[in-house]
C-alpha atoms as a PDB file:
ATOM      1  CA  MET A   1      40.480  55.102-119.389  1.00  0.00           C
ATOM      2  CA  THR A   2      37.715  57.550-118.508  1.00  0.00           C
ATOM      3  CA  ALA A   3      34.298  56.851-117.035  1.00  0.00           C
ATOM      4  CA  ALA A   4      32.865  57.393-120.521  1.00  0.00           C
ATOM      5  CA  ALA A   5      35.071  54.599-121.869  1.00  0.00           C
ATOM      6  CA  ASP A   6      34.002  52.292-119.050  1.00  0.00           C
ATOM      7  CA  THR A   7      30.342  52.955-119.812  1.00  0.00           C
ATOM      8  CA  PHE A   8      31.007  52.491-123.514  1.00  0.00           C
ATOM      9  CA  ARG A   9      32.612  49.093-122.970  1.00  0.00           C
ATOM     10  CA  ALA A  10      29.791  48.001-120.677  1.00  0.00           C
ATOM     11  CA  GLU A  11      27.136  48.962-123.215  1.00  0.00           C
ATOM     12  CA  ALA A  12      29.101  47.376-126.077  1.00  0.00           C
ATOM     13  CA  ALA A  13      29.228  44.108-124.148  1.00  0.00           C
ATOM     14  CA  ARG A  14      25.440  43.815-124.195  1.00  0.00           C
ATOM     15  CA  ARG A  15      24.382  45.396-127.487  1.00  0.00           C
ATOM     16  CA  ILE A  16      25.669  46.649-130.816  1.00  0.00           C
ATOM     17  CA  LEU A  17      26.230  50.395-130.689  1.00  0.00           C
ATOM     18  CA  VAL A  18      25.309  52.704-133.550  1.00  0.00           C
ATOM     19  CA  LYS A  19      27.411  55.564-134.889  1.00  0.00           C
ATOM     20  CA  ASP A  20      25.966  58.468-136.853  1.00  0.00           C
ATOM     21  CA  GLY A  21      26.244  59.077-140.603  1.00  0.00           C
ATOM     22  CA  ALA A  22      27.828  61.572-142.987  1.00  0.00           C
ATOM     23  CA  TYR A  23      27.899  65.274-142.170  1.00  0.00           C
ATOM     24  CA  GLY A  24      29.189  66.081-145.643  1.00  0.00           C
ATOM     25  CA  THR A  25      26.206  64.399-147.284  1.00  0.00           C
ATOM     26  CA  MET A  26      23.767  66.230-145.041  1.00  0.00           C
ATOM     27  CA  ILE A  27      25.480  69.591-145.511  1.00  0.00           C
ATOM     28  CA  GLN A  28      25.404  69.197-149.289  1.00  0.00           C
ATOM     29  CA  ALA A  29      21.656  68.654-149.071  1.00  0.00           C
ATOM     30  CA  GLU A  30      21.320  72.096-147.474  1.00  0.00           C
ATOM     31  CA  LYS A  31      22.356  73.733-150.793  1.00  0.00           C
ATOM     32  CA  LEU A  32      24.352  76.406-148.995  1.00  0.00           C
ATOM     33  CA  VAL A  33      25.968  79.275-150.885  1.00  0.00           C
ATOM     34  CA  GLU A  34      29.347  80.861-150.217  1.00  0.00           C
ATOM     35  CA  ALA A  35      27.844  83.547-147.997  1.00  0.00           C
ATOM     36  CA  ASP A  36      26.451  80.844-145.713  1.00  0.00           C
ATOM     37  CA  TYR A  37      29.914  79.463-145.159  1.00  0.00           C
ATOM     38  CA  ARG A  38      31.623  82.814-144.699  1.00  0.00           C
ATOM     39  CA  GLY A  39      28.965  84.417-142.503  1.00  0.00           C
ATOM     40  CA  ASP A  40      30.127  87.728-141.073  1.00  0.00           C
ATOM     41  CA  LEU A  41      33.783  86.700-141.116  1.00  0.00           C
ATOM     42  CA  ALA A  42      36.350  88.163-143.484  1.00  0.00           C
ATOM     43  CA  PHE A  43      38.244  85.787-145.786  1.00  0.00           C
ATOM     44  CA  THR A  44      40.535  86.246-148.748  1.00  0.00           C
ATOM     45  CA  LEU A  45      39.511  82.996-150.444  1.00  0.00           C
ATOM     46  CA  ASP A  46      36.175  81.430-151.361  1.00  0.00           C
ATOM     47  CA  GLN A  47      34.893  79.338-148.436  1.00  0.00           C
ATOM     48  CA  ARG A  48      32.416  77.108-150.275  1.00  0.00           C
ATOM     49  CA  GLY A  49      32.886  73.511-149.184  1.00  0.00           C
ATOM     50  CA  ASN A  50      34.579  74.431-145.905  1.00  0.00           C
ATOM     51  CA  ASN A  51      32.144  72.360-143.863  1.00  0.00           C
ATOM     52  CA  ASP A  52      34.131  72.765-140.647  1.00  0.00           C
ATOM     53  CA  LEU A  53      33.681  76.532-140.762  1.00  0.00           C
ATOM     54  CA  LEU A  54      29.922  76.045-140.428  1.00  0.00           C
ATOM     55  CA  ASN A  55      30.499  75.183-136.769  1.00  0.00           C
ATOM     56  CA  LEU A  56      31.106  78.924-136.351  1.00  0.00           C
ATOM     57  CA  THR A  57      29.016  80.558-139.050  1.00  0.00           C
ATOM     58  CA  ARG A  58      25.956  78.261-139.215  1.00  0.00           C
ATOM     59  CA  PRO A  59      25.937  76.308-135.934  1.00  0.00           C
ATOM     60  CA  ALA A  60      22.189  75.725-136.165  1.00  0.00           C
ATOM     61  CA  VAL A  61      22.756  73.661-139.321  1.00  0.00           C
ATOM     62  CA  ILE A  62      25.249  71.399-137.546  1.00  0.00           C
ATOM     63  CA  GLU A  63      23.037  71.128-134.470  1.00  0.00           C
ATOM     64  CA  ALA A  64      20.033  70.122-136.590  1.00  0.00           C
ATOM     65  CA  ILE A  65      22.023  67.449-138.421  1.00  0.00           C
ATOM     66  CA  CYS A  66      23.257  66.007-135.133  1.00  0.00           C
ATOM     67  CA  GLN A  67      19.713  65.994-133.748  1.00  0.00           C
ATOM     68  CA  ARG A  68      18.476  64.070-136.782  1.00  0.00           C
ATOM     69  CA  PHE A  69      21.129  61.415-136.239  1.00  0.00           C
ATOM     70  CA  VAL A  70      20.205  61.208-132.551  1.00  0.00           C
ATOM     71  CA  ASP A  71      16.563  60.821-133.489  1.00  0.00           C
ATOM     72  CA  ALA A  72      17.578  58.070-135.929  1.00  0.00           C
ATOM     73  CA  GLY A  73      19.049  56.051-133.065  1.00  0.00           C
ATOM     74  CA  ALA A  74      22.756  56.926-133.061  1.00  0.00           C
ATOM     75  CA  ASP A  75      24.670  56.285-129.844  1.00  0.00           C
ATOM     76  CA  ILE A  76      28.021  57.681-131.027  1.00  0.00           C
ATOM     77  CA  LEU A  77      27.888  61.228-132.354  1.00  0.00           C
ATOM     78  CA  ALA A  78      30.958  62.559-134.139  1.00  0.00           C
ATOM     79  CA  THR A  79      31.988  66.179-134.376  1.00  0.00           C
ATOM     80  CA  ASN A  80      31.919  68.021-137.697  1.00  0.00           C
ATOM     81  CA  THR A  81      35.703  68.455-137.681  1.00  0.00           C
ATOM     82  CA  PHE A  82      37.045  66.107-140.350  1.00  0.00           C
ATOM     83  CA  ASN A  83      39.150  68.861-141.955  1.00  0.00           C
ATOM     84  CA  ALA A  84      39.564  71.156-138.957  1.00  0.00           C
ATOM     85  CA  THR A  85      43.347  70.905-138.666  1.00  0.00           C
ATOM     86  CA  ALA A  86      45.491  73.888-139.535  1.00  0.00           C
ATOM     87  CA  ILE A  87      47.004  71.774-142.336  1.00  0.00           C
ATOM     88  CA  SER A  88      43.695  71.089-144.072  1.00  0.00           C
ATOM     89  CA  GLN A  89      42.328  74.570-143.400  1.00  0.00           C
ATOM     90  CA  SER A  90      45.315  76.097-145.191  1.00  0.00           C
ATOM     91  CA  ASP A  91      43.464  75.408-148.455  1.00  0.00           C
ATOM     92  CA  TYR A  92      40.952  78.062-147.377  1.00  0.00           C
ATOM     93  CA  GLY A  93      43.505  80.722-146.488  1.00  0.00           C
ATOM     94  CA  PRO A  94      45.306  82.030-143.405  1.00  0.00           C
ATOM     95  CA  GLU A  95      42.088  83.359-141.891  1.00  0.00           C
ATOM     96  CA  ALA A  96      40.645  79.834-141.805  1.00  0.00           C
ATOM     97  CA  VAL A  97      43.850  78.431-140.302  1.00  0.00           C
ATOM     98  CA  ALA A  98      43.612  80.991-137.502  1.00  0.00           C
ATOM     99  CA  LEU A  99      40.082  79.777-136.723  1.00  0.00           C
ATOM    100  CA  SER A 100      40.810  76.044-136.781  1.00  0.00           C
ATOM    101  CA  ASP A 101      41.013  75.634-132.993  1.00  0.00           C
ATOM    102  CA  GLU A 102      37.778  77.563-132.559  1.00  0.00           C
ATOM    103  CA  MET A 103      36.064  75.338-135.153  1.00  0.00           C
ATOM    104  CA  ASN A 104      36.952  72.260-133.116  1.00  0.00           C
ATOM    105  CA  ARG A 105      35.843  73.692-129.802  1.00  0.00           C
ATOM    106  CA  ALA A 106      32.587  74.962-131.272  1.00  0.00           C
ATOM    107  CA  SER A 107      31.703  71.666-132.915  1.00  0.00           C
ATOM    108  CA  ALA A 108      32.462  69.696-129.767  1.00  0.00           C
ATOM    109  CA  ARG A 109      30.197  71.985-127.760  1.00  0.00           C
ATOM    110  CA  ILE A 110      27.376  71.716-130.309  1.00  0.00           C
ATOM    111  CA  ILE A 111      27.440  67.912-130.412  1.00  0.00           C
ATOM    112  CA  ARG A 112      27.920  67.688-126.636  1.00  0.00           C
ATOM    113  CA  SER A 113      24.838  69.849-126.096  1.00  0.00           C
ATOM    114  CA  VAL A 114      22.609  67.809-128.388  1.00  0.00           C
ATOM    115  CA  THR A 115      23.859  64.524-126.967  1.00  0.00           C
ATOM    116  CA  ASP A 116      23.471  65.579-123.339  1.00  0.00           C
ATOM    117  CA  ARG A 117      19.923  66.816-123.930  1.00  0.00           C
ATOM    118  CA  ALA A 118      18.948  63.524-125.515  1.00  0.00           C
ATOM    119  CA  THR A 119      20.455  61.459-122.703  1.00  0.00           C
ATOM    120  CA  ALA A 120      18.822  63.639-120.060  1.00  0.00           C
ATOM    121  CA  ALA A 121      15.474  63.097-121.766  1.00  0.00           C
ATOM    122  CA  ASP A 122      15.554  59.286-122.038  1.00  0.00           C
ATOM    123  CA  GLY A 123      18.462  58.091-119.882  1.00  0.00           C
ATOM    124  CA  ARG A 124      20.138  56.304-122.767  1.00  0.00           C
ATOM    125  CA  PRO A 125      23.928  56.712-122.755  1.00  0.00           C
ATOM    126  CA  ARG A 126      25.465  58.437-125.760  1.00  0.00           C
ATOM    127  CA  TRP A 127      29.001  59.537-126.509  1.00  0.00           C
ATOM    128  CA  VAL A 128      30.726  62.334-128.421  1.00  0.00           C
ATOM    129  CA  ALA A 129      33.666  61.377-130.617  1.00  0.00           C
ATOM    130  CA  GLY A 130      36.034  64.119-131.710  1.00  0.00           C
ATOM    131  CA  ALA A 131      36.546  63.374-135.412  1.00  0.00           C
ATOM    132  CA  ILE A 132      40.045  63.760-136.840  1.00  0.00           C
ATOM    133  CA  GLY A 133      40.524  63.245-140.566  1.00  0.00           C
ATOM    134  CA  PRO A 134      43.704  62.182-142.357  1.00  0.00           C
ATOM    135  CA  THR A 135      44.528  65.756-143.527  1.00  0.00           C
ATOM    136  CA  ASN A 136      45.193  66.438-147.203  1.00  0.00           C
ATOM    137  CA  LYS A 137      48.890  65.561-146.873  1.00  0.00           C
ATOM    138  CA  THR A 138      50.694  62.244-146.646  1.00  0.00           C
ATOM    139  CA  LEU A 139      53.844  61.321-144.770  1.00  0.00           C
ATOM    140  CA  SER A 140      54.454  58.053-146.589  1.00  0.00           C
ATOM    141  CA  LEU A 141      54.288  59.152-150.206  1.00  0.00           C
ATOM    142  CA  SER A 142      55.732  61.922-152.328  1.00  0.00           C
ATOM    143  CA  PRO A 143      53.356  64.149-154.322  1.00  0.00           C
ATOM    144  CA  LYS A 144      56.130  64.509-156.917  1.00  0.00           C
ATOM    145  CA  VAL A 145      56.541  61.495-159.175  1.00  0.00           C
ATOM    146  CA  ASP A 146      60.039  62.626-160.139  1.00  0.00           C
ATOM    147  CA  ASP A 147      61.166  63.060-156.517  1.00  0.00           C
ATOM    148  CA  PRO A 148      60.098  60.097-154.364  1.00  0.00           C
ATOM    149  CA  GLY A 149      61.929  61.452-151.324  1.00  0.00           C
ATOM    150  CA  PHE A 150      60.038  64.750-151.251  1.00  0.00           C
ATOM    151  CA  ARG A 151      57.450  65.416-148.540  1.00  0.00           C
ATOM    152  CA  GLU A 152      55.203  68.448-148.116  1.00  0.00           C
ATOM    153  CA  VAL A 153      55.049  67.846-144.366  1.00  0.00           C
ATOM    154  CA  ASP A 154      57.053  66.038-141.711  1.00  0.00           C
ATOM    155  CA  PHE A 155      55.991  63.867-138.785  1.00  0.00           C
ATOM    156  CA  ASP A 156      56.465  66.554-136.143  1.00  0.00           C
ATOM    157  CA  GLY A 157      54.494  69.076-138.184  1.00  0.00           C
ATOM    158  CA  ILE A 158      51.509  66.770-138.621  1.00  0.00           C
ATOM    159  CA  LYS A 159      51.677  65.704-134.986  1.00  0.00           C
ATOM    160  CA  ALA A 160      51.634  69.354-133.889  1.00  0.00           C
ATOM    161  CA  ALA A 161      48.577  70.074-136.049  1.00  0.00           C
ATOM    162  CA  TYR A 162      46.793  67.059-134.604  1.00  0.00           C
ATOM    163  CA  ARG A 163      47.781  68.006-131.060  1.00  0.00           C
ATOM    164  CA  ALA A 164      46.176  71.426-131.454  1.00  0.00           C
ATOM    165  CA  GLN A 165      43.013  69.798-132.790  1.00  0.00           C
ATOM    166  CA  VAL A 166      42.921  67.200-130.007  1.00  0.00           C
ATOM    167  CA  ASP A 167      43.320  69.840-127.309  1.00  0.00           C
ATOM    168  CA  ALA A 168      40.530  71.965-128.779  1.00  0.00           C
ATOM    169  CA  LEU A 169      38.165  69.000-129.069  1.00  0.00           C
ATOM    170  CA  LEU A 170      38.856  67.968-125.491  1.00  0.00           C
ATOM    171  CA  ASP A 171      38.303  71.540-124.307  1.00  0.00           C
ATOM    172  CA  GLY A 172      34.940  71.394-126.082  1.00  0.00           C
ATOM    173  CA  GLY A 173      33.919  68.286-124.159  1.00  0.00           C
ATOM    174  CA  VAL A 174      34.341  65.207-126.371  1.00  0.00           C
ATOM    175  CA  ASP A 175      34.507  61.762-124.769  1.00  0.00           C
ATOM    176  CA  PHE A 176      36.843  60.113-127.277  1.00  0.00           C
ATOM    177  CA  ILE A 177      39.122  61.023-130.154  1.00  0.00           C
ATOM    178  CA  LEU A 178      38.223  59.298-133.428  1.00  0.00           C
ATOM    179  CA  VAL A 179      41.128  59.055-135.887  1.00  0.00           C
ATOM    180  CA  GLU A 180      39.212  58.120-139.014  1.00  0.00           C
ATOM    181  CA  THR A 181      39.566  57.478-142.744  1.00  0.00           C
ATOM    182  CA  VAL A 182      43.218  56.544-142.315  1.00  0.00           C
ATOM    183  CA  PHE A 183      44.751  56.264-145.783  1.00  0.00           C
ATOM    184  CA  ASP A 184      48.330  56.707-144.540  1.00  0.00           C
ATOM    185  CA  THR A 185      49.325  54.669-141.502  1.00  0.00           C
ATOM    186  CA  LEU A 186      52.139  57.084-140.629  1.00  0.00           C
ATOM    187  CA  ASN A 187      49.669  59.972-140.479  1.00  0.00           C
ATOM    188  CA  ALA A 188      47.627  57.878-138.043  1.00  0.00           C
ATOM    189  CA  LYS A 189      50.736  57.244-135.938  1.00  0.00           C
ATOM    190  CA  ALA A 190      51.233  61.009-135.698  1.00  0.00           C
ATOM    191  CA  ALA A 191      47.615  61.441-134.598  1.00  0.00           C
ATOM    192  CA  ILE A 192      47.972  58.692-132.002  1.00  0.00           C
ATOM    193  CA  MET A 193      51.110  60.314-130.585  1.00  0.00           C
ATOM    194  CA  ALA A 194      49.262  63.636-130.403  1.00  0.00           C
ATOM    195  CA  VAL A 195      46.469  61.999-128.394  1.00  0.00           C
ATOM    196  CA  ILE A 196      48.942  60.263-126.064  1.00  0.00           C
ATOM    197  CA  GLU A 197      50.839  63.499-125.461  1.00  0.00           C
ATOM    198  CA  ALA A 198      47.613  65.404-124.841  1.00  0.00           C
ATOM    199  CA  GLY A 199      46.635  62.767-122.289  1.00  0.00           C
ATOM    200  CA  ASN A 200      49.987  62.973-120.560  1.00  0.00           C
ATOM    201  CA  ALA A 201      49.618  66.746-120.293  1.00  0.00           C
ATOM    202  CA  ARG A 202      46.150  66.344-118.761  1.00  0.00           C
ATOM    203  CA  GLY A 203      47.134  63.540-116.431  1.00  0.00           C
ATOM    204  CA  HIS A 204      44.853  60.825-117.806  1.00  0.00           C
ATOM    205  CA  VAL A 205      44.513  58.406-120.703  1.00  0.00           C
ATOM    206  CA  ILE A 206      42.358  59.756-123.523  1.00  0.00           C
ATOM    207  CA  PRO A 207      40.277  57.014-125.187  1.00  0.00           C
ATOM    208  CA  ILE A 208      41.024  56.740-128.878  1.00  0.00           C
ATOM    209  CA  MET A 209      39.137  55.161-131.757  1.00  0.00           C
ATOM    210  CA  VAL A 210      41.020  54.329-134.949  1.00  0.00           C
ATOM    211  CA  SER A 211      39.434  53.627-138.319  1.00  0.00           C
ATOM    212  CA  MET A 212      41.264  52.676-141.511  1.00  0.00           C
ATOM    213  CA  THR A 213      40.060  53.242-145.074  1.00  0.00           C
ATOM    214  CA  LEU A 214      40.866  50.905-147.947  1.00  0.00           C
ATOM    215  CA  THR A 215      41.809  52.246-151.360  1.00  0.00           C
ATOM    216  CA  ASP A 216      41.556  49.018-153.344  1.00  0.00           C
ATOM    217  CA  LEU A 217      39.681  45.745-153.172  1.00  0.00           C
ATOM    218  CA  SER A 218      42.823  43.842-152.172  1.00  0.00           C
ATOM    219  CA  GLY A 219      42.385  45.337-148.713  1.00  0.00           C
ATOM    220  CA  ARG A 220      45.197  47.905-148.447  1.00  0.00           C
ATOM    221  CA  ASN A 221      45.251  51.583-147.665  1.00  0.00           C
ATOM    222  CA  LEU A 222      47.122  54.158-149.732  1.00  0.00           C
ATOM    223  CA  SER A 223      50.372  53.582-147.847  1.00  0.00           C
ATOM    224  CA  GLY A 224      50.118  49.901-148.765  1.00  0.00           C
ATOM    225  CA  HIS A 225      49.232  48.305-145.436  1.00  0.00           C
ATOM    226  CA  THR A 226      46.862  45.389-145.123  1.00  0.00           C
ATOM    227  CA  VAL A 227      44.276  45.519-142.340  1.00  0.00           C
ATOM    228  CA  GLU A 228      46.360  43.015-140.366  1.00  0.00           C
ATOM    229  CA  ALA A 229      49.496  45.132-140.744  1.00  0.00           C
ATOM    230  CA  PHE A 230      47.560  48.241-139.818  1.00  0.00           C
ATOM    231  CA  TRP A 231      46.361  46.607-136.602  1.00  0.00           C
ATOM    232  CA  ALA A 232      49.916  45.579-135.783  1.00  0.00           C
ATOM    233  CA  SER A 233      51.014  49.188-136.307  1.00  0.00           C
ATOM    234  CA  VAL A 234      48.469  50.791-133.975  1.00  0.00           C
ATOM    235  CA  ARG A 235      47.643  48.129-131.365  1.00  0.00           C
ATOM    236  CA  HIS A 236      50.249  49.617-128.988  1.00  0.00           C
ATOM    237  CA  ALA A 237      47.835  52.529-128.457  1.00  0.00           C
ATOM    238  CA  ARG A 238      45.243  50.122-127.037  1.00  0.00           C
ATOM    239  CA  PRO A 239      42.411  51.799-128.922  1.00  0.00           C
ATOM    240  CA  LEU A 240      38.899  51.643-127.556  1.00  0.00           C
ATOM    241  CA  THR A 241      37.775  50.628-131.047  1.00  0.00           C
ATOM    242  CA  ILE A 242      39.530  49.644-134.238  1.00  0.00           C
ATOM    243  CA  GLY A 243      37.830  49.321-137.568  1.00  0.00           C
ATOM    244  CA  LEU A 244      37.137  50.364-141.126  1.00  0.00           C
ATOM    245  CA  ASN A 245      35.185  53.224-142.632  1.00  0.00           C
ATOM    246  CA  CYS A 246      34.507  54.904-145.954  1.00  0.00           C
ATOM    247  CA  SER A 247      36.256  52.732-148.601  1.00  0.00           C
ATOM    248  CA  PHE A 248      33.474  50.928-150.448  1.00  0.00           C
ATOM    249  CA  GLY A 249      30.059  49.582-149.629  1.00  0.00           C
ATOM    250  CA  ALA A 250      29.456  47.098-146.832  1.00  0.00           C
ATOM    251  CA  ALA A 251      29.616  44.083-149.137  1.00  0.00           C
ATOM    252  CA  GLN A 252      33.118  44.941-150.386  1.00  0.00           C
ATOM    253  CA  LEU A 253      34.369  45.624-146.867  1.00  0.00           C
ATOM    254  CA  ARG A 254      33.114  42.340-145.443  1.00  0.00           C
ATOM    255  CA  PRO A 255      36.141  40.046-146.078  1.00  0.00           C
ATOM    256  CA  HIS A 256      38.600  42.650-144.784  1.00  0.00           C
ATOM    257  CA  LEU A 257      36.441  43.378-141.773  1.00  0.00           C
ATOM    258  CA  ALA A 258      36.371  39.651-141.041  1.00  0.00           C
ATOM    259  CA  SER A 259      40.181  39.550-141.074  1.00  0.00           C
ATOM    260  CA  LEU A 260      40.449  42.478-138.699  1.00  0.00           C
ATOM    261  CA  SER A 261      37.704  41.189-136.434  1.00  0.00           C
ATOM    262  CA  GLY A 262      39.472  37.868-136.006  1.00  0.00           C
ATOM    263  CA  GLN A 263      42.657  39.543-134.785  1.00  0.00           C
ATOM    264  CA  ALA A 264      41.734  42.699-132.918  1.00  0.00           C
ATOM    265  CA  GLU A 265      41.797  42.358-129.148  1.00  0.00           C
ATOM    266  CA  THR A 266      39.429  45.284-128.721  1.00  0.00           C
ATOM    267  CA  LEU A 267      36.029  46.461-129.932  1.00  0.00           C
ATOM    268  CA  VAL A 268      35.482  46.672-133.690  1.00  0.00           C
ATOM    269  CA  MET A 269      33.550  49.554-135.252  1.00  0.00           C
ATOM    270  CA  ALA A 270      32.840  49.785-138.971  1.00  0.00           C
ATOM    271  CA  TYR A 271      30.857  52.329-140.940  1.00  0.00           C
ATOM    272  CA  PRO A 272      30.698  51.957-144.720  1.00  0.00           C
ATOM    273  CA  ASN A 273      29.656  54.253-147.514  1.00  0.00           C
ATOM    274  CA  ALA A 274      26.179  53.873-148.950  1.00  0.00           C
ATOM    275  CA  GLY A 275      27.581  51.725-151.734  1.00  0.00           C
ATOM    276  CA  LEU A 276      29.793  53.186-154.443  1.00  0.00           C
ATOM    277  CA  PRO A 277      29.178  56.633-155.967  1.00  0.00           C
ATOM    278  CA  ASN A 278      27.569  56.984-159.382  1.00  0.00           C
ATOM    279  CA  ASP A 279      29.047  58.945-162.295  1.00  0.00           C
ATOM    280  CA  LEU A 280      27.941  62.211-160.677  1.00  0.00           C
ATOM    281  CA  GLY A 281      29.525  61.347-157.340  1.00  0.00           C
ATOM    282  CA  ASP A 282      26.175  60.700-155.657  1.00  0.00           C
ATOM    283  CA  TYR A 283      25.314  57.628-153.584  1.00  0.00           C
ATOM    284  CA  ASP A 284      22.233  55.737-154.715  1.00  0.00           C
ATOM    285  CA  GLU A 285      22.171  52.818-152.276  1.00  0.00           C
ATOM    286  CA  ALA A 286      18.899  52.785-150.362  1.00  0.00           C
ATOM    287  CA  ALA A 287      18.902  52.794-146.581  1.00  0.00           C
ATOM    288  CA  GLU A 288      17.326  49.344-146.442  1.00  0.00           C
ATOM    289  CA  GLU A 289      20.038  47.856-148.648  1.00  0.00           C
ATOM    290  CA  THR A 290      22.865  49.324-146.573  1.00  0.00           C
ATOM    291  CA  ALA A 291      21.190  48.031-143.416  1.00  0.00           C
ATOM    292  CA  ARG A 292      20.733  44.574-144.922  1.00  0.00           C
ATOM    293  CA  GLN A 293      24.431  44.300-145.709  1.00  0.00           C
ATOM    294  CA  VAL A 294      25.454  45.586-142.273  1.00  0.00           C
ATOM    295  CA  ALA A 295      23.101  43.022-140.733  1.00  0.00           C
ATOM    296  CA  GLU A 296      25.172  40.304-142.435  1.00  0.00           C
ATOM    297  CA  TRP A 297      28.232  41.576-140.538  1.00  0.00           C
ATOM    298  CA  VAL A 298      26.246  41.266-137.351  1.00  0.00           C
ATOM    299  CA  ALA A 299      25.060  37.759-138.183  1.00  0.00           C
ATOM    300  CA  ASP A 300      28.679  36.718-138.646  1.00  0.00           C
ATOM    301  CA  GLY A 301      29.725  38.252-135.314  1.00  0.00           C
ATOM    302  CA  LEU A 302      32.132  40.755-136.859  1.00  0.00           C
ATOM    303  CA  VAL A 303      31.255  44.047-135.158  1.00  0.00           C
ATOM    304  CA  ASN A 304      30.558  45.816-131.893  1.00  0.00           C
ATOM    305  CA  ALA A 305      29.551  49.165-133.379  1.00  0.00           C
ATOM    306  CA  VAL A 306      28.255  50.171-136.810  1.00  0.00           C
ATOM    307  CA  GLY A 307      27.254  53.341-138.606  1.00  0.00           C
ATOM    308  CA  GLY A 308      27.521  55.104-141.915  1.00  0.00           C
ATOM    309  CA  CYS A 309      30.048  57.108-143.909  1.00  0.00           C
ATOM    310  CA  CYS A 310      29.741  58.871-147.290  1.00  0.00           C
ATOM    311  CA  GLY A 311      26.214  59.017-148.634  1.00  0.00           C
ATOM    312  CA  THR A 312      24.534  57.854-145.446  1.00  0.00           C
ATOM    313  CA  THR A 313      21.653  59.908-144.071  1.00  0.00           C
ATOM    314  CA  PRO A 314      19.508  59.675-140.934  1.00  0.00           C
ATOM    315  CA  SER A 315      17.342  57.240-142.878  1.00  0.00           C
ATOM    316  CA  HIS A 316      20.337  54.942-143.317  1.00  0.00           C
ATOM    317  CA  ILE A 317      21.226  55.191-139.640  1.00  0.00           C
ATOM    318  CA  ALA A 318      17.636  54.502-138.590  1.00  0.00           C
ATOM    319  CA  ALA A 319      17.541  51.419-140.826  1.00  0.00           C
ATOM    320  CA  ILE A 320      20.880  50.208-139.455  1.00  0.00           C
ATOM    321  CA  ALA A 321      19.768  50.818-135.863  1.00  0.00           C
ATOM    322  CA  GLN A 322      16.621  48.787-136.473  1.00  0.00           C
ATOM    323  CA  ALA A 323      18.579  45.980-138.153  1.00  0.00           C
ATOM    324  CA  VAL A 324      21.026  45.576-135.248  1.00  0.00           C
ATOM    325  CA  ALA A 325      18.566  46.039-132.399  1.00  0.00           C
ATOM    326  CA  ASN A 326      18.524  43.084-130.003  1.00  0.00           C
ATOM    327  CA  GLN A 327      21.391  41.413-131.882  1.00  0.00           C
ATOM    328  CA  SER A 328      24.430  40.026-130.110  1.00  0.00           C
ATOM    329  CA  PRO A 329      27.687  41.970-130.391  1.00  0.00           C
ATOM    330  CA  ARG A 330      30.983  40.456-131.434  1.00  0.00           C
ATOM    331  CA  ALA A 331      32.896  38.656-128.681  1.00  0.00           C
ATOM    332  CA  VAL A 332      36.250  40.345-128.143  1.00  0.00           C
ATOM    333  CA  PRO A 333      39.002  37.706-128.340  1.00  0.00           C
ATOM    334  CA  ALA A 334      41.472  37.283-125.512  1.00  0.00           C
ATOM    335  CA  PRO A 335      44.939  38.758-126.102  1.00  0.00           C
ATOM    336  CA  ARG A 336      47.301  36.308-127.765  1.00  0.00           C
ATOM    337  CA  PRO A 337      50.800  35.666-126.381  1.00  0.00           C
ATOM    338  CA  THR A 338      52.445  36.740-129.628  1.00  0.00           C
ATOM    339  CA  THR A 339      54.572  39.560-130.956  1.00  0.00           C
ATOM    340  CA  ILE A 340      53.094  41.138-134.092  1.00  0.00           C
ATOM    341  CA  LEU A 341      55.288  43.364-136.248  1.00  0.00           C
ATOM    342  CA  ALA A 342      54.465  45.000-139.522  1.00  0.00           C
ATOM    343  CA  GLY A 343      55.918  46.321-142.701  1.00  0.00           C
ATOM    344  CA  LEU A 344      53.262  46.384-145.393  1.00  0.00           C
ATOM    345  CA  GLU A 345      52.133  42.982-144.117  1.00  0.00           C
ATOM    346  CA  PRO A 346      52.221  41.532-140.612  1.00  0.00           C
ATOM    347  CA  MET A 347      54.909  39.308-139.182  1.00  0.00           C
ATOM    348  CA  VAL A 348      53.758  37.194-136.239  1.00  0.00           C
ATOM    349  CA  LEU A 349      56.292  35.791-133.775  1.00  0.00           C
ATOM    350  CA  ALA A 350      54.807  33.031-131.652  1.00  0.00           C
ATOM    351  CA  ALA A 351      55.678  32.890-127.968  1.00  0.00           C
END
């Protein structure tokens, strides 16, 4: 592990760390038009909604959002690169695909700059997490109901796209790689392999954070894995943090977070949506309510790091940071002498 990971673990042992909130929510509030996204670059397709492109065309917007999250009390600042793989950028045309590596490097440099300035000013350690989304493809499921064996992508193709993104983020200066919003466990396995291979090429272990998203209240992701099975599937990577994000509000995540927290032999990070969206797709949950629910996780000793996902603003992060200040972090359990295997559910073989 790197020095950044060592510092992270040391800080997490004495306090609950705070991750930032939702870039998408903040970008939507800017009311940008297509010309803002495209800038001076030439594209064949409409670029509205291509938030990752703003790292190149409107970097000041991304920098200002990051600064607001820093000012709110965030310790972990993620890059604005959720859809910055060549696979996801293909929706915006070949010109966007060609810029995907540059998007990642630019975002990493923006967030690194803001974070370093803040730490230099007050001495408080902060970290940059290179955010990797699930892509808009799935390895486990067919998009054709009449052809269950069909796949739009294969494992090597997704791994290659992730590897390019990982390399660009590392070149830009991130501390960790955050594989987040995992709806397909096999996609996450491809991302993990990309991180491991990138580390091997660079001659050191790259710290990785992994965060699953649930698609129903039974506690499974889209590929059908329970949180326990998901942990069994990725624990070989020895992630710096494991956890849950997006999904539902904090209250709905609580029982599944408790299950994961009881098993994971590493730090747990969770960052929920600001409740569930309304009929217009907006999030109405007030910052104080989100913070109150997250505080219940803390009271139960479930987490080491918390933050916000869809709908969360700097106000939400500030309220969460205040709620967890001076609270004790979760105690990481000692490794158990067991073998844990997984299909859709875990199988535990006692020693």
